[in-house]
Amino acid sequence: MKLDEYNIIISAISDEIAQIAKLMRDQAWAQCANTSNPAFRRLLSRHAQLTEMAAKLNKTMFSLV
């Protein structure tokens, strides 16, 4: 993987995580940010997936340095 590819992918992951944070904030204001809310659970799951993807990408890039 080249640095340019890494930067594009990690930026997209960061952007999606930021969007998730906004959605979770909105749910918190609406007092529905809890595990009984399926939408909240989906956001938590997607956040975990993205975090794992970012960690794998970082590990790959660090091994190339």
C-alpha atoms as a PDB file:
ATOM      1  CA  MET A   1       0.000   0.000   0.000  1.00  0.00           C
ATOM      2  CA  LYS A   2       1.290   3.436  -0.878  1.00  0.00           C
ATOM      3  CA  LEU A   3       1.025   6.456   1.384  1.00  0.00           C
ATOM      4  CA  ASP A   4      -1.456   8.181  -0.943  1.00  0.00           C
ATOM      5  CA  GLU A   5      -3.774   5.160  -0.825  1.00  0.00           C
ATOM      6  CA  TYR A   6      -3.486   5.003   2.945  1.00  0.00           C
ATOM      7  CA  ASN A   7      -4.296   8.705   3.308  1.00  0.00           C
ATOM      8  CA  ILE A   8      -7.405   8.400   1.124  1.00  0.00           C
ATOM      9  CA  ILE A   9      -8.724   5.367   2.995  1.00  0.00           C
ATOM     10  CA  ILE A  10      -7.930   6.636   6.492  1.00  0.00           C
ATOM     11  CA  SER A  11      -9.513  10.004   5.648  1.00  0.00           C
ATOM     12  CA  ALA A  12     -12.711   8.279   4.517  1.00  0.00           C
ATOM     13  CA  ILE A  13     -12.759   6.246   7.734  1.00  0.00           C
ATOM     14  CA  SER A  14     -12.221   9.380   9.815  1.00  0.00           C
ATOM     15  CA  ASP A  15     -14.990  11.204   7.965  1.00  0.00           C
ATOM     16  CA  GLU A  16     -17.440   8.362   8.590  1.00  0.00           C
ATOM     17  CA  ILE A  17     -16.477   8.193  12.272  1.00  0.00           C
ATOM     18  CA  ALA A  18     -17.097  11.936  12.539  1.00  0.00           C
ATOM     19  CA  GLN A  19     -20.537  11.479  10.954  1.00  0.00           C
ATOM     20  CA  ILE A  20     -21.312   8.679  13.401  1.00  0.00           C
ATOM     21  CA  ALA A  21     -20.323  10.958  16.277  1.00  0.00           C
ATOM     22  CA  LYS A  22     -22.768  13.612  15.057  1.00  0.00           C
ATOM     23  CA  LEU A  23     -25.581  11.078  14.750  1.00  0.00           C
ATOM     24  CA  MET A  24     -24.862   9.730  18.237  1.00  0.00           C
ATOM     25  CA  ARG A  25     -24.805  13.276  19.600  1.00  0.00           C
ATOM     26  CA  ASP A  26     -28.201  13.918  18.054  1.00  0.00           C
ATOM     27  CA  GLN A  27     -29.525  10.710  19.581  1.00  0.00           C
ATOM     28  CA  ALA A  28     -28.149  11.731  22.963  1.00  0.00           C
ATOM     29  CA  TRP A  29     -29.959  15.072  22.734  1.00  0.00           C
ATOM     30  CA  ALA A  30     -33.133  13.180  21.811  1.00  0.00           C
ATOM     31  CA  GLN A  31     -32.521  10.884  24.798  1.00  0.00           C
ATOM     32  CA  CYS A  32     -32.534   7.754  22.649  1.00  0.00           C
ATOM     33  CA  ALA A  33     -28.805   6.961  22.675  1.00  0.00           C
ATOM     34  CA  ASN A  34     -29.120   3.618  24.406  1.00  0.00           C
ATOM     35  CA  THR A  35     -28.818  -0.038  23.526  1.00  0.00           C
ATOM     36  CA  SER A  36     -32.579  -0.484  23.262  1.00  0.00           C
ATOM     37  CA  ASN A  37     -32.440   1.723  20.152  1.00  0.00           C
ATOM     38  CA  PRO A  38     -31.573  -0.395  17.062  1.00  0.00           C
ATOM     39  CA  ALA A  39     -30.196   2.646  15.209  1.00  0.00           C
ATOM     40  CA  PHE A  40     -27.852   3.379  18.102  1.00  0.00           C
ATOM     41  CA  ARG A  41     -26.679  -0.249  18.164  1.00  0.00           C
ATOM     42  CA  ARG A  42     -25.972  -0.080  14.404  1.00  0.00           C
ATOM     43  CA  LEU A  43     -23.904   3.066  14.923  1.00  0.00           C
ATOM     44  CA  LEU A  44     -21.939   1.391  17.716  1.00  0.00           C
ATOM     45  CA  SER A  45     -21.309  -1.628  15.515  1.00  0.00           C
ATOM     46  CA  ARG A  46     -20.219   0.454  12.528  1.00  0.00           C
ATOM     47  CA  HIS A  47     -17.937   2.525  14.756  1.00  0.00           C
ATOM     48  CA  ALA A  48     -16.283  -0.671  16.003  1.00  0.00           C
ATOM     49  CA  GLN A  49     -15.825  -1.903  12.406  1.00  0.00           C
ATOM     50  CA  LEU A  50     -14.257   1.369  11.319  1.00  0.00           C
ATOM     51  CA  THR A  51     -11.977   1.485  14.338  1.00  0.00           C
ATOM     52  CA  GLU A  52     -10.795  -2.050  13.592  1.00  0.00           C
ATOM     53  CA  MET A  53     -10.217  -1.175   9.932  1.00  0.00           C
ATOM     54  CA  ALA A  54      -8.186   1.885  10.909  1.00  0.00           C
ATOM     55  CA  ALA A  55      -6.102  -0.139  13.357  1.00  0.00           C
ATOM     56  CA  LYS A  56      -5.295  -2.735  10.675  1.00  0.00           C
ATOM     57  CA  LEU A  57      -4.375  -0.022   8.176  1.00  0.00           C
ATOM     58  CA  ASN A  58      -2.141   1.687  10.723  1.00  0.00           C
ATOM     59  CA  LYS A  59      -0.424  -1.591  11.564  1.00  0.00           C
ATOM     60  CA  THR A  60       0.182  -2.258   7.878  1.00  0.00           C
ATOM     61  CA  MET A  61       1.612   1.198   7.287  1.00  0.00           C
ATOM     62  CA  PHE A  62       3.801   1.114  10.399  1.00  0.00           C
ATOM     63  CA  SER A  63       5.251  -2.231   9.293  1.00  0.00           C
ATOM     64  CA  LEU A  64       6.295  -0.647   5.993  1.00  0.00           C
ATOM     65  CA  VAL A  65       8.164   2.204   7.667  1.00  0.00           C
END
